[in-house]
Amino acid sequence: MKFQNLLLSLIFVFFGLSSYAEEKAKSENQVQENKKSAEECKAPKWAIAIGHEEMWKLHNGCPTKKDRENTSKN
């Protein structure tokens, strides 16, 4: 019984640490993506023409209007 409890505890710790490491890696990648220059994050004319400027920025790792509003509030 003690062995089962120890095994379950180790499993929970492993999954907890692995998800923490994954989230940390995602946030580090996001910070790197947001370091793009203004020129790199300028949406193409076709995206603006069809009203998809923010979507284009989101898919290309650029800060969106919502991101900029959140950072200005903090």
PDB file of N, CA and C in Angstrom:
ATOM      1  N   MET A   1       0.828  -1.192   0.000  1.00  0.00           N
ATOM      2  CA  MET A   1       0.000   0.000   0.000  1.00  0.00           C
ATOM      3  C   MET A   1       0.874   1.257   0.000  1.00  0.00           C
ATOM      4  N   LYS A   2       1.944   1.236   0.797  1.00  0.00           N
ATOM      5  CA  LYS A   2       2.840   2.396   0.835  1.00  0.00           C
ATOM      6  C   LYS A   2       3.521   2.607  -0.515  1.00  0.00           C
ATOM      7  N   PHE A   3       3.865   1.505  -1.158  1.00  0.00           N
ATOM      8  CA  PHE A   3       4.507   1.593  -2.465  1.00  0.00           C
ATOM      9  C   PHE A   3       3.563   2.224  -3.485  1.00  0.00           C
ATOM     10  N   GLN A   4       2.298   1.853  -3.457  1.00  0.00           N
ATOM     11  CA  GLN A   4       1.322   2.422  -4.380  1.00  0.00           C
ATOM     12  C   GLN A   4       1.148   3.922  -4.143  1.00  0.00           C
ATOM     13  N   ASN A   5       1.105   4.325  -2.884  1.00  0.00           N
ATOM     14  CA  ASN A   5       0.976   5.744  -2.558  1.00  0.00           C
ATOM     15  C   ASN A   5       2.203   6.523  -3.041  1.00  0.00           C
ATOM     16  N   LEU A   6       3.367   5.939  -2.843  1.00  0.00           N
ATOM     17  CA  LEU A   6       4.597   6.583  -3.300  1.00  0.00           C
ATOM     18  C   LEU A   6       4.607   6.694  -4.817  1.00  0.00           C
ATOM     19  N   LEU A   7       4.216   5.635  -5.487  1.00  0.00           N
ATOM     20  CA  LEU A   7       4.178   5.634  -6.942  1.00  0.00           C
ATOM     21  C   LEU A   7       3.197   6.684  -7.465  1.00  0.00           C
ATOM     22  N   LEU A   8       2.022   6.754  -6.903  1.00  0.00           N
ATOM     23  CA  LEU A   8       1.037   7.755  -7.313  1.00  0.00           C
ATOM     24  C   LEU A   8       1.563   9.175  -7.063  1.00  0.00           C
ATOM     25  N   SER A   9       2.201   9.377  -5.941  1.00  0.00           N
ATOM     26  CA  SER A   9       2.762  10.700  -5.633  1.00  0.00           C
ATOM     27  C   SER A   9       3.821  11.094  -6.647  1.00  0.00           C
ATOM     28  N   LEU A  10       4.683  10.158  -7.002  1.00  0.00           N
ATOM     29  CA  LEU A  10       5.721  10.441  -7.979  1.00  0.00           C
ATOM     30  C   LEU A  10       5.132  10.741  -9.353  1.00  0.00           C
ATOM     31  N   ILE A  11       4.089  10.038  -9.710  1.00  0.00           N
ATOM     32  CA  ILE A  11       3.430  10.289 -10.997  1.00  0.00           C
ATOM     33  C   ILE A  11       2.854  11.699 -11.026  1.00  0.00           C
ATOM     34  N   PHE A  12       2.167  12.100  -9.950  1.00  0.00           N
ATOM     35  CA  PHE A  12       1.598  13.444  -9.901  1.00  0.00           C
ATOM     36  C   PHE A  12       2.685  14.512  -9.945  1.00  0.00           C
ATOM     37  N   VAL A  13       3.769  14.287  -9.255  1.00  0.00           N
ATOM     38  CA  VAL A  13       4.876  15.244  -9.271  1.00  0.00           C
ATOM     39  C   VAL A  13       5.470  15.336 -10.671  1.00  0.00           C
ATOM     40  N   PHE A  14       5.668  14.203 -11.310  1.00  0.00           N
ATOM     41  CA  PHE A  14       6.229  14.194 -12.664  1.00  0.00           C
ATOM     42  C   PHE A  14       5.360  14.982 -13.627  1.00  0.00           C
ATOM     43  N   PHE A  15       4.044  14.711 -13.625  1.00  0.00           N
ATOM     44  CA  PHE A  15       3.151  15.421 -14.541  1.00  0.00           C
ATOM     45  C   PHE A  15       3.056  16.900 -14.197  1.00  0.00           C
ATOM     46  N   GLY A  16       3.112  17.223 -12.929  1.00  0.00           N
ATOM     47  CA  GLY A  16       3.093  18.627 -12.522  1.00  0.00           C
ATOM     48  C   GLY A  16       4.324  19.360 -13.014  1.00  0.00           C
ATOM     49  N   LEU A  17       5.489  18.758 -12.858  1.00  0.00           N
ATOM     50  CA  LEU A  17       6.721  19.394 -13.305  1.00  0.00           C
ATOM     51  C   LEU A  17       6.808  19.469 -14.820  1.00  0.00           C
ATOM     52  N   SER A  18       6.328  18.437 -15.503  1.00  0.00           N
ATOM     53  CA  SER A  18       6.403  18.459 -16.961  1.00  0.00           C
ATOM     54  C   SER A  18       5.477  19.533 -17.535  1.00  0.00           C
ATOM     55  N   SER A  19       4.301  19.717 -16.951  1.00  0.00           N
ATOM     56  CA  SER A  19       3.402  20.757 -17.457  1.00  0.00           C
ATOM     57  C   SER A  19       3.963  22.141 -17.126  1.00  0.00           C
ATOM     58  N   TYR A  20       4.617  22.288 -15.976  1.00  0.00           N
ATOM     59  CA  TYR A  20       5.253  23.557 -15.626  1.00  0.00           C
ATOM     60  C   TYR A  20       6.361  23.890 -16.621  1.00  0.00           C
ATOM     61  N   ALA A  21       7.182  22.913 -16.943  1.00  0.00           N
ATOM     62  CA  ALA A  21       8.275  23.131 -17.893  1.00  0.00           C
ATOM     63  C   ALA A  21       7.728  23.480 -19.276  1.00  0.00           C
ATOM     64  N   GLU A  22       6.651  22.840 -19.662  1.00  0.00           N
ATOM     65  CA  GLU A  22       6.043  23.112 -20.963  1.00  0.00           C
ATOM     66  C   GLU A  22       5.500  24.538 -21.019  1.00  0.00           C
ATOM     67  N   GLU A  23       4.820  24.972 -19.966  1.00  0.00           N
ATOM     68  CA  GLU A  23       4.287  26.338 -19.934  1.00  0.00           C
ATOM     69  C   GLU A  23       5.411  27.366 -19.929  1.00  0.00           C
ATOM     70  N   LYS A  24       6.483  27.079 -19.217  1.00  0.00           N
ATOM     71  CA  LYS A  24       7.620  28.001 -19.177  1.00  0.00           C
ATOM     72  C   LYS A  24       8.244  28.117 -20.564  1.00  0.00           C
ATOM     73  N   ALA A  25       8.382  26.999 -21.259  1.00  0.00           N
ATOM     74  CA  ALA A  25       8.949  27.022 -22.607  1.00  0.00           C
ATOM     75  C   ALA A  25       8.050  27.809 -23.553  1.00  0.00           C
ATOM     76  N   LYS A  26       6.740  27.646 -23.429  1.00  0.00           N
ATOM     77  CA  LYS A  26       5.808  28.396 -24.271  1.00  0.00           C
ATOM     78  C   LYS A  26       5.940  29.891 -24.020  1.00  0.00           C
ATOM     79  N   SER A  27       6.036  30.282 -22.747  1.00  0.00           N
ATOM     80  CA  SER A  27       6.122  31.712 -22.442  1.00  0.00           C
ATOM     81  C   SER A  27       7.452  32.289 -22.928  1.00  0.00           C
ATOM     82  N   GLU A  28       8.536  31.517 -22.863  1.00  0.00           N
ATOM     83  CA  GLU A  28       9.823  31.997 -23.373  1.00  0.00           C
ATOM     84  C   GLU A  28       9.769  32.160 -24.888  1.00  0.00           C
ATOM     85  N   ASN A  29       9.113  31.228 -25.577  1.00  0.00           N
ATOM     86  CA  ASN A  29       8.964  31.336 -27.030  1.00  0.00           C
ATOM     87  C   ASN A  29       8.116  32.534 -27.396  1.00  0.00           C
ATOM     88  N   GLN A  30       7.087  32.783 -26.606  1.00  0.00           N
ATOM     89  CA  GLN A  30       6.218  33.916 -26.886  1.00  0.00           C
ATOM     90  C   GLN A  30       6.974  35.225 -26.720  1.00  0.00           C
ATOM     91  N   VAL A  31       7.821  35.313 -25.714  1.00  0.00           N
ATOM     92  CA  VAL A  31       8.617  36.519 -25.508  1.00  0.00           C
ATOM     93  C   VAL A  31       9.554  36.723 -26.690  1.00  0.00           C
ATOM     94  N   GLN A  32      10.171  35.654 -27.172  1.00  0.00           N
ATOM     95  CA  GLN A  32      11.059  35.763 -28.317  1.00  0.00           C
ATOM     96  C   GLN A  32      10.300  36.183 -29.569  1.00  0.00           C
ATOM     97  N   GLU A  33       9.091  35.649 -29.757  1.00  0.00           N
ATOM     98  CA  GLU A  33       8.296  35.999 -30.925  1.00  0.00           C
ATOM     99  C   GLU A  33       7.882  37.456 -30.897  1.00  0.00           C
ATOM    100  N   ASN A  34       7.619  37.988 -29.697  1.00  0.00           N
ATOM    101  CA  ASN A  34       7.160  39.361 -29.578  1.00  0.00           C
ATOM    102  C   ASN A  34       8.293  40.370 -29.751  1.00  0.00           C
ATOM    103  N   LYS A  35       9.503  39.917 -29.981  1.00  0.00           N
ATOM    104  CA  LYS A  35      10.628  40.819 -30.186  1.00  0.00           C
ATOM    105  C   LYS A  35      10.816  41.150 -31.657  1.00  0.00           C
ATOM    106  N   LYS A  36       9.816  40.862 -32.461  1.00  0.00           N
ATOM    107  CA  LYS A  36       9.919  41.163 -33.882  1.00  0.00           C
ATOM    108  C   LYS A  36       9.849  42.676 -34.077  1.00  0.00           C
ATOM    109  N   SER A  37      10.490  43.118 -35.129  1.00  0.00           N
ATOM    110  CA  SER A  37      10.493  44.550 -35.413  1.00  0.00           C
ATOM    111  C   SER A  37       9.133  44.993 -35.938  1.00  0.00           C
ATOM    112  N   ALA A  38       8.925  46.292 -35.935  1.00  0.00           N
ATOM    113  CA  ALA A  38       7.663  46.835 -36.431  1.00  0.00           C
ATOM    114  C   ALA A  38       7.486  46.507 -37.913  1.00  0.00           C
ATOM    115  N   GLU A  39       8.589  46.504 -38.641  1.00  0.00           N
ATOM    116  CA  GLU A  39       8.523  46.188 -40.071  1.00  0.00           C
ATOM    117  C   GLU A  39       8.089  44.736 -40.299  1.00  0.00           C
ATOM    118  N   GLU A  40       8.594  43.815 -39.468  1.00  0.00           N
ATOM    119  CA  GLU A  40       8.227  42.403 -39.597  1.00  0.00           C
ATOM    120  C   GLU A  40       6.767  42.164 -39.227  1.00  0.00           C
ATOM    121  N   CYS A  41       6.226  43.009 -38.367  1.00  0.00           N
ATOM    122  CA  CYS A  41       4.859  42.824 -37.886  1.00  0.00           C
ATOM    123  C   CYS A  41       3.836  43.662 -38.641  1.00  0.00           C
ATOM    124  N   LYS A  42       4.246  44.296 -39.688  1.00  0.00           N
ATOM    125  CA  LYS A  42       3.290  45.051 -40.485  1.00  0.00           C
ATOM    126  C   LYS A  42       2.532  44.072 -41.373  1.00  0.00           C
ATOM    127  N   ALA A  43       1.215  44.056 -41.196  1.00  0.00           N
ATOM    128  CA  ALA A  43       0.386  43.122 -41.952  1.00  0.00           C
ATOM    129  C   ALA A  43       0.371  43.502 -43.425  1.00  0.00           C
ATOM    130  N   PRO A  44       0.310  42.514 -44.304  1.00  0.00           N
ATOM    131  CA  PRO A  44       0.249  42.816 -45.739  1.00  0.00           C
ATOM    132  C   PRO A  44      -1.086  43.465 -46.104  1.00  0.00           C
ATOM    133  N   LYS A  45      -1.082  44.127 -47.237  1.00  0.00           N
ATOM    134  CA  LYS A  45      -2.275  44.863 -47.674  1.00  0.00           C
ATOM    135  C   LYS A  45      -3.487  43.958 -47.837  1.00  0.00           C
ATOM    136  N   TRP A  46      -3.277  42.740 -48.324  1.00  0.00           N
ATOM    137  CA  TRP A  46      -4.414  41.846 -48.530  1.00  0.00           C
ATOM    138  C   TRP A  46      -5.086  41.486 -47.214  1.00  0.00           C
ATOM    139  N   ALA A  47      -4.279  41.317 -46.142  1.00  0.00           N
ATOM    140  CA  ALA A  47      -4.856  40.976 -44.839  1.00  0.00           C
ATOM    141  C   ALA A  47      -5.659  42.154 -44.288  1.00  0.00           C
ATOM    142  N   ILE A  48      -5.132  43.348 -44.475  1.00  0.00           N
ATOM    143  CA  ILE A  48      -5.844  44.545 -44.027  1.00  0.00           C
ATOM    144  C   ILE A  48      -7.133  44.716 -44.833  1.00  0.00           C
ATOM    145  N   ALA A  49      -7.058  44.484 -46.144  1.00  0.00           N
ATOM    146  CA  ALA A  49      -8.212  44.676 -47.029  1.00  0.00           C
ATOM    147  C   ALA A  49      -9.389  43.778 -46.657  1.00  0.00           C
ATOM    148  N   ILE A  50      -9.111  42.583 -46.194  1.00  0.00           N
ATOM    149  CA  ILE A  50     -10.210  41.678 -45.843  1.00  0.00           C
ATOM    150  C   ILE A  50     -10.527  41.715 -44.345  1.00  0.00           C
ATOM    151  N   GLY A  51      -9.899  42.650 -43.616  1.00  0.00           N
ATOM    152  CA  GLY A  51     -10.189  42.806 -42.190  1.00  0.00           C
ATOM    153  C   GLY A  51      -9.532  41.780 -41.295  1.00  0.00           C
ATOM    154  N   HIS A  52      -8.417  41.223 -41.737  1.00  0.00           N
ATOM    155  CA  HIS A  52      -7.742  40.172 -40.964  1.00  0.00           C
ATOM    156  C   HIS A  52      -6.368  40.612 -40.447  1.00  0.00           C
ATOM    157  N   GLU A  53      -6.185  41.883 -40.255  1.00  0.00           N
ATOM    158  CA  GLU A  53      -4.879  42.371 -39.797  1.00  0.00           C
ATOM    159  C   GLU A  53      -4.488  41.759 -38.454  1.00  0.00           C
ATOM    160  N   GLU A  54      -5.394  41.799 -37.482  1.00  0.00           N
ATOM    161  CA  GLU A  54      -5.084  41.256 -36.153  1.00  0.00           C
ATOM    162  C   GLU A  54      -4.874  39.748 -36.202  1.00  0.00           C
ATOM    163  N   MET A  55      -5.644  39.058 -37.020  1.00  0.00           N
ATOM    164  CA  MET A  55      -5.481  37.609 -37.154  1.00  0.00           C
ATOM    165  C   MET A  55      -4.123  37.285 -37.771  1.00  0.00           C
ATOM    166  N   TRP A  56      -3.713  38.058 -38.758  1.00  0.00           N
ATOM    167  CA  TRP A  56      -2.420  37.851 -39.396  1.00  0.00           C
ATOM    168  C   TRP A  56      -1.307  38.034 -38.370  1.00  0.00           C
ATOM    169  N   LYS A  57      -1.419  39.080 -37.553  1.00  0.00           N
ATOM    170  CA  LYS A  57      -0.400  39.335 -36.516  1.00  0.00           C
ATOM    171  C   LYS A  57      -0.358  38.193 -35.510  1.00  0.00           C
ATOM    172  N   LEU A  58      -1.519  37.713 -35.121  1.00  0.00           N
ATOM    173  CA  LEU A  58      -1.586  36.606 -34.167  1.00  0.00           C
ATOM    174  C   LEU A  58      -0.898  35.369 -34.718  1.00  0.00           C
ATOM    175  N   HIS A  59      -1.175  35.030 -35.955  1.00  0.00           N
ATOM    176  CA  HIS A  59      -0.601  33.830 -36.570  1.00  0.00           C
ATOM    177  C   HIS A  59       0.881  33.981 -36.892  1.00  0.00           C
ATOM    178  N   ASN A  60       1.384  35.191 -36.943  1.00  0.00           N
ATOM    179  CA  ASN A  60       2.790  35.417 -37.264  1.00  0.00           C
ATOM    180  C   ASN A  60       3.615  35.823 -36.046  1.00  0.00           C
ATOM    181  N   GLY A  61       3.061  35.639 -34.860  1.00  0.00           N
ATOM    182  CA  GLY A  61       3.806  35.861 -33.624  1.00  0.00           C
ATOM    183  C   GLY A  61       4.057  37.320 -33.296  1.00  0.00           C
ATOM    184  N   CYS A  62       3.205  38.193 -33.772  1.00  0.00           N
ATOM    185  CA  CYS A  62       3.349  39.618 -33.491  1.00  0.00           C
ATOM    186  C   CYS A  62       2.338  40.025 -32.430  1.00  0.00           C
ATOM    187  N   PRO A  63       2.654  41.061 -31.662  1.00  0.00           N
ATOM    188  CA  PRO A  63       1.680  41.512 -30.660  1.00  0.00           C
ATOM    189  C   PRO A  63       0.439  42.079 -31.344  1.00  0.00           C
ATOM    190  N   THR A  64      -0.717  41.685 -30.850  1.00  0.00           N
ATOM    191  CA  THR A  64      -1.979  42.167 -31.402  1.00  0.00           C
ATOM    192  C   THR A  64      -2.432  43.394 -30.627  1.00  0.00           C
ATOM    193  N   LYS A  65      -3.505  43.992 -31.075  1.00  0.00           N
ATOM    194  CA  LYS A  65      -4.051  45.172 -30.402  1.00  0.00           C
ATOM    195  C   LYS A  65      -4.395  44.834 -28.953  1.00  0.00           C
ATOM    196  N   LYS A  66      -4.956  43.656 -28.736  1.00  0.00           N
ATOM    197  CA  LYS A  66      -5.306  43.220 -27.380  1.00  0.00           C
ATOM    198  C   LYS A  66      -4.055  43.081 -26.511  1.00  0.00           C
ATOM    199  N   ASP A  67      -2.983  42.534 -27.074  1.00  0.00           N
ATOM    200  CA  ASP A  67      -1.723  42.396 -26.344  1.00  0.00           C
ATOM    201  C   ASP A  67      -1.172  43.765 -25.956  1.00  0.00           C
ATOM    202  N   ARG A  68      -1.221  44.692 -26.895  1.00  0.00           N
ATOM    203  CA  ARG A  68      -0.706  46.033 -26.625  1.00  0.00           C
ATOM    204  C   ARG A  68      -1.516  46.729 -25.545  1.00  0.00           C
ATOM    205  N   GLU A  69      -2.838  46.529 -25.540  1.00  0.00           N
ATOM    206  CA  GLU A  69      -3.691  47.117 -24.503  1.00  0.00           C
ATOM    207  C   GLU A  69      -3.368  46.525 -23.137  1.00  0.00           C
ATOM    208  N   ASN A  70      -3.147  45.214 -23.083  1.00  0.00           N
ATOM    209  CA  ASN A  70      -2.823  44.553 -21.822  1.00  0.00           C
ATOM    210  C   ASN A  70      -1.495  45.030 -21.272  1.00  0.00           C
ATOM    211  N   THR A  71      -0.490  45.211 -22.123  1.00  0.00           N
ATOM    212  CA  THR A  71       0.814  45.657 -21.641  1.00  0.00           C
ATOM    213  C   THR A  71       0.772  47.113 -21.204  1.00  0.00           C
ATOM    214  N   SER A  72      -0.076  47.922 -21.832  1.00  0.00           N
ATOM    215  CA  SER A  72      -0.168  49.328 -21.438  1.00  0.00           C
ATOM    216  C   SER A  72      -0.883  49.475 -20.091  1.00  0.00           C
ATOM    217  N   LYS A  73      -1.785  48.537 -19.756  1.00  0.00           N
ATOM    218  CA  LYS A  73      -2.486  48.560 -18.480  1.00  0.00           C
ATOM    219  C   LYS A  73      -1.563  48.160 -17.333  1.00  0.00           C
ATOM    220  N   ASN A  74      -0.614  47.281 -17.614  1.00  0.00           N
ATOM    221  CA  ASN A  74       0.293  46.784 -16.574  1.00  0.00           C
ATOM    222  C   ASN A  74       1.348  47.775 -16.377  1.00  0.00           C
TER     223      ASN A  74
END
